Amino acid sequence: MVSNYEIVENAKKTGKIEKGINEVTKAIERGTAKVVVYAEDVTPKEITQHLPVLCKEKGIDCKTVDSRKKLGVSAGINVSCAAVAVIETGGVKESKEKAKK
């Protein structure tokens, strides 16, 4: 099965992503986000609490990961990242299909 980190990595390589709470929130509100991945180890928790609620309202898939540092690496940046929105999936769908088989 494809991990949430791999979804972000694949989208970074073949599609388009937005990084950071503000950019992710804007992408959700605009309806351009296909998938949202956010880190559970963000403090304070209030920073990311609105993301699952917004995603549910807009019908966007929302996933969590355990580490913002690993999420930053997956997104291709050398710093921690609280949230990533996948705007264009690129090869992610193909990766998901391969993982199911």
PDB file of N, CA and C in Angstrom:
ATOM      1  N   MET A   1       0.835  -1.185   0.000  1.00  0.00           N
ATOM      2  CA  MET A   1       0.000   0.000   0.000  1.00  0.00           C
ATOM      3  C   MET A   1       0.883   1.253   0.000  1.00  0.00           C
ATOM      4  N   VAL A   2       0.444   2.260  -0.692  1.00  0.00           N
ATOM      5  CA  VAL A   2       1.190   3.506  -0.808  1.00  0.00           C
ATOM      6  C   VAL A   2       1.006   4.318   0.469  1.00  0.00           C
ATOM      7  N   SER A   3       2.121   4.775   1.052  1.00  0.00           N
ATOM      8  CA  SER A   3       2.025   5.594   2.260  1.00  0.00           C
ATOM      9  C   SER A   3       1.650   7.034   1.894  1.00  0.00           C
ATOM     10  N   ASN A   4       1.215   7.776   2.903  1.00  0.00           N
ATOM     11  CA  ASN A   4       0.865   9.178   2.678  1.00  0.00           C
ATOM     12  C   ASN A   4       2.082   9.994   2.264  1.00  0.00           C
ATOM     13  N   TYR A   5       3.260   9.610   2.777  1.00  0.00           N
ATOM     14  CA  TYR A   5       4.499  10.284   2.372  1.00  0.00           C
ATOM     15  C   TYR A   5       4.769  10.052   0.884  1.00  0.00           C
ATOM     16  N   GLU A   6       4.517   8.830   0.411  1.00  0.00           N
ATOM     17  CA  GLU A   6       4.746   8.510  -1.002  1.00  0.00           C
ATOM     18  C   GLU A   6       3.785   9.269  -1.909  1.00  0.00           C
ATOM     19  N   ILE A   7       2.564   9.468  -1.445  1.00  0.00           N
ATOM     20  CA  ILE A   7       1.592  10.251  -2.216  1.00  0.00           C
ATOM     21  C   ILE A   7       2.150  11.657  -2.454  1.00  0.00           C
ATOM     22  N   VAL A   8       2.691  12.269  -1.392  1.00  0.00           N
ATOM     23  CA  VAL A   8       3.260  13.621  -1.502  1.00  0.00           C
ATOM     24  C   VAL A   8       4.484  13.611  -2.413  1.00  0.00           C
ATOM     25  N   GLU A   9       5.379  12.630  -2.221  1.00  0.00           N
ATOM     26  CA  GLU A   9       6.589  12.545  -3.052  1.00  0.00           C
ATOM     27  C   GLU A   9       6.247  12.396  -4.521  1.00  0.00           C
ATOM     28  N   ASN A  10       5.320  11.491  -4.832  1.00  0.00           N
ATOM     29  CA  ASN A  10       4.931  11.271  -6.233  1.00  0.00           C
ATOM     30  C   ASN A  10       4.290  12.509  -6.840  1.00  0.00           C
ATOM     31  N   ALA A  11       3.438  13.181  -6.073  1.00  0.00           N
ATOM     32  CA  ALA A  11       2.795  14.402  -6.579  1.00  0.00           C
ATOM     33  C   ALA A  11       3.826  15.510  -6.800  1.00  0.00           C
ATOM     34  N   LYS A  12       4.839  15.573  -5.914  1.00  0.00           N
ATOM     35  CA  LYS A  12       5.892  16.587  -6.070  1.00  0.00           C
ATOM     36  C   LYS A  12       6.662  16.350  -7.371  1.00  0.00           C
ATOM     37  N   LYS A  13       6.921  15.080  -7.676  1.00  0.00           N
ATOM     38  CA  LYS A  13       7.714  14.745  -8.868  1.00  0.00           C
ATOM     39  C   LYS A  13       6.929  14.913 -10.162  1.00  0.00           C
ATOM     40  N   THR A  14       5.645  14.511 -10.161  1.00  0.00           N
ATOM     41  CA  THR A  14       4.913  14.451 -11.425  1.00  0.00           C
ATOM     42  C   THR A  14       3.705  15.373 -11.499  1.00  0.00           C
ATOM     43  N   GLY A  15       3.347  16.003 -10.399  1.00  0.00           N
ATOM     44  CA  GLY A  15       2.169  16.877 -10.388  1.00  0.00           C
ATOM     45  C   GLY A  15       2.492  18.241  -9.824  1.00  0.00           C
ATOM     46  N   LYS A  16       1.610  18.716  -8.946  1.00  0.00           N
ATOM     47  CA  LYS A  16       1.820  20.023  -8.318  1.00  0.00           C
ATOM     48  C   LYS A  16       1.316  19.958  -6.883  1.00  0.00           C
ATOM     49  N   ILE A  17       2.093  20.551  -5.955  1.00  0.00           N
ATOM     50  CA  ILE A  17       1.694  20.591  -4.552  1.00  0.00           C
ATOM     51  C   ILE A  17       1.811  22.014  -4.010  1.00  0.00           C
ATOM     52  N   GLU A  18       1.073  22.267  -2.949  1.00  0.00           N
ATOM     53  CA  GLU A  18       1.191  23.511  -2.191  1.00  0.00           C
ATOM     54  C   GLU A  18       1.666  23.128  -0.800  1.00  0.00           C
ATOM     55  N   LYS A  19       2.578  23.915  -0.220  1.00  0.00           N
ATOM     56  CA  LYS A  19       3.155  23.598   1.084  1.00  0.00           C
ATOM     57  C   LYS A  19       2.834  24.690   2.093  1.00  0.00           C
ATOM     58  N   GLY A  20       2.577  24.286   3.336  1.00  0.00           N
ATOM     59  CA  GLY A  20       2.319  25.240   4.411  1.00  0.00           C
ATOM     60  C   GLY A  20       0.837  25.404   4.694  1.00  0.00           C
ATOM     61  N   ILE A  21       0.530  25.700   5.944  1.00  0.00           N
ATOM     62  CA  ILE A  21      -0.864  25.813   6.391  1.00  0.00           C
ATOM     63  C   ILE A  21      -1.656  26.836   5.581  1.00  0.00           C
ATOM     64  N   ASN A  22      -1.106  28.020   5.371  1.00  0.00           N
ATOM     65  CA  ASN A  22      -1.845  29.073   4.656  1.00  0.00           C
ATOM     66  C   ASN A  22      -2.145  28.683   3.219  1.00  0.00           C
ATOM     67  N   GLU A  23      -1.143  28.168   2.518  1.00  0.00           N
ATOM     68  CA  GLU A  23      -1.337  27.769   1.116  1.00  0.00           C
ATOM     69  C   GLU A  23      -2.298  26.595   0.998  1.00  0.00           C
ATOM     70  N   VAL A  24      -2.190  25.648   1.929  1.00  0.00           N
ATOM     71  CA  VAL A  24      -3.084  24.485   1.923  1.00  0.00           C
ATOM     72  C   VAL A  24      -4.525  24.926   2.190  1.00  0.00           C
ATOM     73  N   THR A  25      -4.704  25.813   3.163  1.00  0.00           N
ATOM     74  CA  THR A  25      -6.049  26.320   3.478  1.00  0.00           C
ATOM     75  C   THR A  25      -6.651  27.017   2.261  1.00  0.00           C
ATOM     76  N   LYS A  26      -5.866  27.841   1.578  1.00  0.00           N
ATOM     77  CA  LYS A  26      -6.352  28.523   0.368  1.00  0.00           C
ATOM     78  C   LYS A  26      -6.742  27.514  -0.708  1.00  0.00           C
ATOM     79  N   ALA A  27      -5.922  26.475  -0.890  1.00  0.00           N
ATOM     80  CA  ALA A  27      -6.203  25.457  -1.912  1.00  0.00           C
ATOM     81  C   ALA A  27      -7.496  24.703  -1.598  1.00  0.00           C
ATOM     82  N   ILE A  28      -7.743  24.435  -0.323  1.00  0.00           N
ATOM     83  CA  ILE A  28      -8.988  23.764   0.079  1.00  0.00           C
ATOM     84  C   ILE A  28     -10.180  24.681  -0.212  1.00  0.00           C
ATOM     85  N   GLU A  29     -10.069  25.942   0.211  1.00  0.00           N
ATOM     86  CA  GLU A  29     -11.178  26.889   0.035  1.00  0.00           C
ATOM     87  C   GLU A  29     -11.476  27.144  -1.432  1.00  0.00           C
ATOM     88  N   ARG A  30     -10.452  27.139  -2.278  1.00  0.00           N
ATOM     89  CA  ARG A  30     -10.643  27.331  -3.726  1.00  0.00           C
ATOM     90  C   ARG A  30     -11.169  26.073  -4.403  1.00  0.00           C
ATOM     91  N   GLY A  31     -11.024  24.937  -3.730  1.00  0.00           N
ATOM     92  CA  GLY A  31     -11.447  23.668  -4.315  1.00  0.00           C
ATOM     93  C   GLY A  31     -10.426  23.072  -5.270  1.00  0.00           C
ATOM     94  N   THR A  32      -9.184  23.562  -5.221  1.00  0.00           N
ATOM     95  CA  THR A  32      -8.151  23.040  -6.130  1.00  0.00           C
ATOM     96  C   THR A  32      -7.388  21.855  -5.545  1.00  0.00           C
ATOM     97  N   ALA A  33      -7.484  21.641  -4.246  1.00  0.00           N
ATOM     98  CA  ALA A  33      -6.768  20.533  -3.602  1.00  0.00           C
ATOM     99  C   ALA A  33      -7.480  19.217  -3.886  1.00  0.00           C
ATOM    100  N   LYS A  34      -6.708  18.190  -4.248  1.00  0.00           N
ATOM    101  CA  LYS A  34      -7.259  16.846  -4.466  1.00  0.00           C
ATOM    102  C   LYS A  34      -7.112  16.012  -3.196  1.00  0.00           C
ATOM    103  N   VAL A  35      -5.959  16.155  -2.533  1.00  0.00           N
ATOM    104  CA  VAL A  35      -5.648  15.436  -1.303  1.00  0.00           C
ATOM    105  C   VAL A  35      -4.909  16.396  -0.381  1.00  0.00           C
ATOM    106  N   VAL A  36      -5.198  16.342   0.912  1.00  0.00           N
ATOM    107  CA  VAL A  36      -4.478  17.140   1.902  1.00  0.00           C
ATOM    108  C   VAL A  36      -3.815  16.177   2.881  1.00  0.00           C
ATOM    109  N   VAL A  37      -2.529  16.409   3.138  1.00  0.00           N
ATOM    110  CA  VAL A  37      -1.782  15.606   4.107  1.00  0.00           C
ATOM    111  C   VAL A  37      -1.219  16.573   5.145  1.00  0.00           C
ATOM    112  N   TYR A  38      -1.498  16.289   6.432  1.00  0.00           N
ATOM    113  CA  TYR A  38      -0.959  17.155   7.477  1.00  0.00           C
ATOM    114  C   TYR A  38      -0.311  16.326   8.577  1.00  0.00           C
ATOM    115  N   ALA A  39       0.641  16.946   9.274  1.00  0.00           N
ATOM    116  CA  ALA A  39       1.415  16.263  10.313  1.00  0.00           C
ATOM    117  C   ALA A  39       0.696  16.330  11.654  1.00  0.00           C
ATOM    118  N   GLU A  40       0.733  15.223  12.391  1.00  0.00           N
ATOM    119  CA  GLU A  40       0.094  15.166  13.709  1.00  0.00           C
ATOM    120  C   GLU A  40       0.953  15.792  14.808  1.00  0.00           C
ATOM    121  N   ASP A  41       2.270  15.946  14.558  1.00  0.00           N
ATOM    122  CA  ASP A  41       3.153  16.452  15.617  1.00  0.00           C
ATOM    123  C   ASP A  41       3.314  17.970  15.608  1.00  0.00           C
ATOM    124  N   VAL A  42       2.361  18.673  15.003  1.00  0.00           N
ATOM    125  CA  VAL A  42       2.383  20.138  14.974  1.00  0.00           C
ATOM    126  C   VAL A  42       1.908  20.657  16.331  1.00  0.00           C
ATOM    127  N   THR A  43       2.638  21.642  16.872  1.00  0.00           N
ATOM    128  CA  THR A  43       2.207  22.278  18.115  1.00  0.00           C
ATOM    129  C   THR A  43       2.141  23.784  17.903  1.00  0.00           C
ATOM    130  N   PRO A  44       1.146  24.455  18.372  1.00  0.00           N
ATOM    131  CA  PRO A  44      -0.051  23.909  19.011  1.00  0.00           C
ATOM    132  C   PRO A  44      -0.968  23.239  17.984  1.00  0.00           C
ATOM    133  N   LYS A  45      -1.796  22.326  18.435  1.00  0.00           N
ATOM    134  CA  LYS A  45      -2.695  21.541  17.564  1.00  0.00           C
ATOM    135  C   LYS A  45      -3.683  22.432  16.804  1.00  0.00           C
ATOM    136  N   GLU A  46      -3.984  23.596  17.380  1.00  0.00           N
ATOM    137  CA  GLU A  46      -4.955  24.506  16.758  1.00  0.00           C
ATOM    138  C   GLU A  46      -4.559  24.911  15.340  1.00  0.00           C
ATOM    139  N   ILE A  47      -3.269  24.843  15.062  1.00  0.00           N
ATOM    140  CA  ILE A  47      -2.773  25.251  13.738  1.00  0.00           C
ATOM    141  C   ILE A  47      -3.373  24.390  12.630  1.00  0.00           C
ATOM    142  N   THR A  48      -3.555  23.091  12.902  1.00  0.00           N
ATOM    143  CA  THR A  48      -4.055  22.183  11.866  1.00  0.00           C
ATOM    144  C   THR A  48      -5.475  21.679  12.101  1.00  0.00           C
ATOM    145  N   GLN A  49      -6.092  22.043  13.208  1.00  0.00           N
ATOM    146  CA  GLN A  49      -7.419  21.514  13.542  1.00  0.00           C
ATOM    147  C   GLN A  49      -8.493  21.820  12.499  1.00  0.00           C
ATOM    148  N   HIS A  50      -8.369  22.922  11.801  1.00  0.00           N
ATOM    149  CA  HIS A  50      -9.400  23.295  10.836  1.00  0.00           C
ATOM    150  C   HIS A  50      -9.319  22.507   9.533  1.00  0.00           C
ATOM    151  N   LEU A  51      -8.177  21.890   9.248  1.00  0.00           N
ATOM    152  CA  LEU A  51      -7.990  21.221   7.947  1.00  0.00           C
ATOM    153  C   LEU A  51      -8.970  20.065   7.712  1.00  0.00           C
ATOM    154  N   PRO A  52      -9.118  19.111   8.658  1.00  0.00           N
ATOM    155  CA  PRO A  52     -10.074  18.021   8.394  1.00  0.00           C
ATOM    156  C   PRO A  52     -11.511  18.507   8.229  1.00  0.00           C
ATOM    157  N   VAL A  53     -11.874  19.550   8.974  1.00  0.00           N
ATOM    158  CA  VAL A  53     -13.232  20.098   8.885  1.00  0.00           C
ATOM    159  C   VAL A  53     -13.470  20.711   7.507  1.00  0.00           C
ATOM    160  N   LEU A  54     -12.523  21.534   7.056  1.00  0.00           N
ATOM    161  CA  LEU A  54     -12.641  22.147   5.727  1.00  0.00           C
ATOM    162  C   LEU A  54     -12.673  21.086   4.631  1.00  0.00           C
ATOM    163  N   CYS A  55     -11.800  20.084   4.755  1.00  0.00           N
ATOM    164  CA  CYS A  55     -11.737  19.023   3.741  1.00  0.00           C
ATOM    165  C   CYS A  55     -13.061  18.271   3.661  1.00  0.00           C
ATOM    166  N   LYS A  56     -13.655  17.995   4.806  1.00  0.00           N
ATOM    167  CA  LYS A  56     -14.941  17.285   4.834  1.00  0.00           C
ATOM    168  C   LYS A  56     -16.021  18.110   4.144  1.00  0.00           C
ATOM    169  N   GLU A  57     -16.049  19.421   4.423  1.00  0.00           N
ATOM    170  CA  GLU A  57     -17.030  20.320   3.800  1.00  0.00           C
ATOM    171  C   GLU A  57     -16.901  20.332   2.287  1.00  0.00           C
ATOM    172  N   LYS A  58     -15.643  20.282   1.794  1.00  0.00           N
ATOM    173  CA  LYS A  58     -15.385  20.383   0.357  1.00  0.00           C
ATOM    174  C   LYS A  58     -15.286  19.022  -0.328  1.00  0.00           C
ATOM    175  N   GLY A  59     -15.357  17.926   0.457  1.00  0.00           N
ATOM    176  CA  GLY A  59     -15.258  16.584  -0.129  1.00  0.00           C
ATOM    177  C   GLY A  59     -13.854  16.229  -0.585  1.00  0.00           C
ATOM    178  N   ILE A  60     -12.852  16.730   0.123  1.00  0.00           N
ATOM    179  CA  ILE A  60     -11.449  16.492  -0.223  1.00  0.00           C
ATOM    180  C   ILE A  60     -10.879  15.436   0.720  1.00  0.00           C
ATOM    181  N   ASP A  61     -10.120  14.502   0.161  1.00  0.00           N
ATOM    182  CA  ASP A  61      -9.485  13.451   0.946  1.00  0.00           C
ATOM    183  C   ASP A  61      -8.437  14.075   1.873  1.00  0.00           C
ATOM    184  N   CYS A  62      -8.519  13.788   3.174  1.00  0.00           N
ATOM    185  CA  CYS A  62      -7.609  14.365   4.163  1.00  0.00           C
ATOM    186  C   CYS A  62      -6.897  13.245   4.903  1.00  0.00           C
ATOM    187  N   LYS A  63      -5.566  13.283   4.907  1.00  0.00           N
ATOM    188  CA  LYS A  63      -4.762  12.227   5.520  1.00  0.00           C
ATOM    189  C   LYS A  63      -3.780  12.826   6.523  1.00  0.00           C
ATOM    190  N   THR A  64      -3.320  11.996   7.465  1.00  0.00           N
ATOM    191  CA  THR A  64      -2.343  12.457   8.438  1.00  0.00           C
ATOM    192  C   THR A  64      -1.059  11.646   8.329  1.00  0.00           C
ATOM    193  N   VAL A  65       0.025  12.266   8.776  1.00  0.00           N
ATOM    194  CA  VAL A  65       1.318  11.598   8.905  1.00  0.00           C
ATOM    195  C   VAL A  65       1.851  11.911  10.293  1.00  0.00           C
ATOM    196  N   ASP A  66       2.821  11.141  10.748  1.00  0.00           N
ATOM    197  CA  ASP A  66       3.300  11.304  12.117  1.00  0.00           C
ATOM    198  C   ASP A  66       4.332  12.410  12.300  1.00  0.00           C
ATOM    199  N   SER A  67       5.059  12.776  11.228  1.00  0.00           N
ATOM    200  CA  SER A  67       6.184  13.697  11.395  1.00  0.00           C
ATOM    201  C   SER A  67       6.170  14.844  10.384  1.00  0.00           C
ATOM    202  N   ARG A  68       6.245  16.072  10.898  1.00  0.00           N
ATOM    203  CA  ARG A  68       6.320  17.223   9.983  1.00  0.00           C
ATOM    204  C   ARG A  68       7.677  17.300   9.311  1.00  0.00           C
ATOM    205  N   LYS A  69       8.726  16.786   9.965  1.00  0.00           N
ATOM    206  CA  LYS A  69      10.063  16.768   9.358  1.00  0.00           C
ATOM    207  C   LYS A  69      10.061  15.860   8.124  1.00  0.00           C
ATOM    208  N   LYS A  70       9.488  14.648   8.286  1.00  0.00           N
ATOM    209  CA  LYS A  70       9.409  13.707   7.158  1.00  0.00           C
ATOM    210  C   LYS A  70       8.502  14.245   6.052  1.00  0.00           C
ATOM    211  N   LEU A  71       7.447  14.961   6.452  1.00  0.00           N
ATOM    212  CA  LEU A  71       6.554  15.549   5.461  1.00  0.00           C
ATOM    213  C   LEU A  71       7.287  16.609   4.647  1.00  0.00           C
ATOM    214  N   GLY A  72       8.129  17.399   5.312  1.00  0.00           N
ATOM    215  CA  GLY A  72       8.949  18.388   4.603  1.00  0.00           C
ATOM    216  C   GLY A  72       9.889  17.737   3.606  1.00  0.00           C
ATOM    217  N   VAL A  73      10.518  16.644   4.010  1.00  0.00           N
ATOM    218  CA  VAL A  73      11.422  15.905   3.110  1.00  0.00           C
ATOM    219  C   VAL A  73      10.636  15.367   1.911  1.00  0.00           C
ATOM    220  N   SER A  74       9.465  14.799   2.169  1.00  0.00           N
ATOM    221  CA  SER A  74       8.617  14.273   1.089  1.00  0.00           C
ATOM    222  C   SER A  74       8.197  15.371   0.115  1.00  0.00           C
ATOM    223  N   ALA A  75       8.000  16.573   0.651  1.00  0.00           N
ATOM    224  CA  ALA A  75       7.588  17.707  -0.183  1.00  0.00           C
ATOM    225  C   ALA A  75       8.776  18.359  -0.900  1.00  0.00           C
ATOM    226  N   GLY A  76       9.984  17.882  -0.608  1.00  0.00           N
ATOM    227  CA  GLY A  76      11.168  18.392  -1.299  1.00  0.00           C
ATOM    228  C   GLY A  76      11.761  19.646  -0.702  1.00  0.00           C
ATOM    229  N   ILE A  77      11.486  19.897   0.580  1.00  0.00           N
ATOM    230  CA  ILE A  77      12.079  21.060   1.238  1.00  0.00           C
ATOM    231  C   ILE A  77      12.907  20.578   2.431  1.00  0.00           C
ATOM    232  N   ASN A  78      13.881  21.366   2.820  1.00  0.00           N
ATOM    233  CA  ASN A  78      14.801  20.967   3.885  1.00  0.00           C
ATOM    234  C   ASN A  78      14.373  21.424   5.275  1.00  0.00           C
ATOM    235  N   VAL A  79      13.121  21.805   5.420  1.00  0.00           N
ATOM    236  CA  VAL A  79      12.595  22.217   6.720  1.00  0.00           C
ATOM    237  C   VAL A  79      11.293  21.457   6.984  1.00  0.00           C
ATOM    238  N   SER A  80      10.844  21.490   8.225  1.00  0.00           N
ATOM    239  CA  SER A  80       9.593  20.837   8.578  1.00  0.00           C
ATOM    240  C   SER A  80       8.424  21.491   7.843  1.00  0.00           C
ATOM    241  N   CYS A  81       7.399  20.690   7.596  1.00  0.00           N
ATOM    242  CA  CYS A  81       6.220  21.187   6.893  1.00  0.00           C
ATOM    243  C   CYS A  81       4.977  20.652   7.597  1.00  0.00           C
ATOM    244  N   ALA A  82       4.082  21.541   7.999  1.00  0.00           N
ATOM    245  CA  ALA A  82       2.894  21.136   8.749  1.00  0.00           C
ATOM    246  C   ALA A  82       1.837  20.505   7.858  1.00  0.00           C
ATOM    247  N   ALA A  83       1.729  20.978   6.610  1.00  0.00           N
ATOM    248  CA  ALA A  83       0.677  20.469   5.725  1.00  0.00           C
ATOM    249  C   ALA A  83       1.066  20.617   4.265  1.00  0.00           C
ATOM    250  N   VAL A  84       0.534  19.711   3.449  1.00  0.00           N
ATOM    251  CA  VAL A  84       0.751  19.737   2.000  1.00  0.00           C
ATOM    252  C   VAL A  84      -0.581  19.443   1.325  1.00  0.00           C
ATOM    253  N   ALA A  85      -0.869  20.197   0.268  1.00  0.00           N
ATOM    254  CA  ALA A  85      -2.047  19.925  -0.558  1.00  0.00           C
ATOM    255  C   ALA A  85      -1.582  19.453  -1.922  1.00  0.00           C
ATOM    256  N   VAL A  86      -2.129  18.351  -2.390  1.00  0.00           N
ATOM    257  CA  VAL A  86      -1.835  17.868  -3.739  1.00  0.00           C
ATOM    258  C   VAL A  86      -2.840  18.540  -4.664  1.00  0.00           C
ATOM    259  N   ILE A  87      -2.312  19.364  -5.594  1.00  0.00           N
ATOM    260  CA  ILE A  87      -3.164  20.099  -6.530  1.00  0.00           C
ATOM    261  C   ILE A  87      -3.365  19.296  -7.807  1.00  0.00           C
ATOM    262  N   GLU A  88      -2.267  18.833  -8.377  1.00  0.00           N
ATOM    263  CA  GLU A  88      -2.318  17.949  -9.542  1.00  0.00           C
ATOM    264  C   GLU A  88      -1.638  16.656  -9.145  1.00  0.00           C
ATOM    265  N   THR A  89      -2.355  15.552  -9.274  1.00  0.00           N
ATOM    266  CA  THR A  89      -1.858  14.279  -8.770  1.00  0.00           C
ATOM    267  C   THR A  89      -0.697  13.717  -9.583  1.00  0.00           C
ATOM    268  N   GLY A  90      -0.617  14.035 -10.843  1.00  0.00           N
ATOM    269  CA  GLY A  90       0.465  13.464 -11.646  1.00  0.00           C
ATOM    270  C   GLY A  90       0.347  11.954 -11.672  1.00  0.00           C
ATOM    271  N   GLY A  91       1.393  11.246 -11.240  1.00  0.00           N
ATOM    272  CA  GLY A  91       1.409   9.787 -11.261  1.00  0.00           C
ATOM    273  C   GLY A  91       0.851   9.135 -10.015  1.00  0.00           C
ATOM    274  N   VAL A  92       0.216   9.892  -9.139  1.00  0.00           N
ATOM    275  CA  VAL A  92      -0.261   9.331  -7.869  1.00  0.00           C
ATOM    276  C   VAL A  92      -1.341   8.290  -8.098  1.00  0.00           C
ATOM    277  N   LYS A  93      -2.270   8.556  -9.007  1.00  0.00           N
ATOM    278  CA  LYS A  93      -3.350   7.596  -9.247  1.00  0.00           C
ATOM    279  C   LYS A  93      -2.791   6.261  -9.717  1.00  0.00           C
ATOM    280  N   GLU A  94      -1.794   6.310 -10.614  1.00  0.00           N
ATOM    281  CA  GLU A  94      -1.180   5.083 -11.096  1.00  0.00           C
ATOM    282  C   GLU A  94      -0.504   4.348  -9.945  1.00  0.00           C
ATOM    283  N   SER A  95       0.140   5.087  -9.062  1.00  0.00           N
ATOM    284  CA  SER A  95       0.802   4.486  -7.905  1.00  0.00           C
ATOM    285  C   SER A  95      -0.211   3.810  -6.999  1.00  0.00           C
ATOM    286  N   LYS A  96      -1.354   4.461  -6.794  1.00  0.00           N
ATOM    287  CA  LYS A  96      -2.403   3.884  -5.947  1.00  0.00           C
ATOM    288  C   LYS A  96      -2.919   2.582  -6.546  1.00  0.00           C
ATOM    289  N   GLU A  97      -3.121   2.577  -7.877  1.00  0.00           N
ATOM    290  CA  GLU A  97      -3.634   1.383  -8.550  1.00  0.00           C
ATOM    291  C   GLU A  97      -2.629   0.229  -8.433  1.00  0.00           C
ATOM    292  N   LYS A  98      -1.349   0.526  -8.613  1.00  0.00           N
ATOM    293  CA  LYS A  98      -0.317  -0.507  -8.493  1.00  0.00           C
ATOM    294  C   LYS A  98      -0.282  -1.066  -7.082  1.00  0.00           C
ATOM    295  N   ALA A  99      -0.483  -0.205  -6.085  1.00  0.00           N
ATOM    296  CA  ALA A  99      -0.434  -0.640  -4.690  1.00  0.00           C
ATOM    297  C   ALA A  99      -1.606  -1.567  -4.359  1.00  0.00           C
ATOM    298  N   LYS A 100      -2.746  -1.371  -5.029  1.00  0.00           N
ATOM    299  CA  LYS A 100      -3.922  -2.208  -4.756  1.00  0.00           C
ATOM    300  C   LYS A 100      -3.770  -3.606  -5.325  1.00  0.00           C
ATOM    301  N   LYS A 101      -2.979  -3.742  -6.402  1.00  0.00           N
ATOM    302  CA  LYS A 101      -2.841  -5.047  -7.081  1.00  0.00           C
ATOM    303  C   LYS A 101      -1.884  -5.949  -6.356  1.00  0.00           C
TER     304      LYS A 101
END
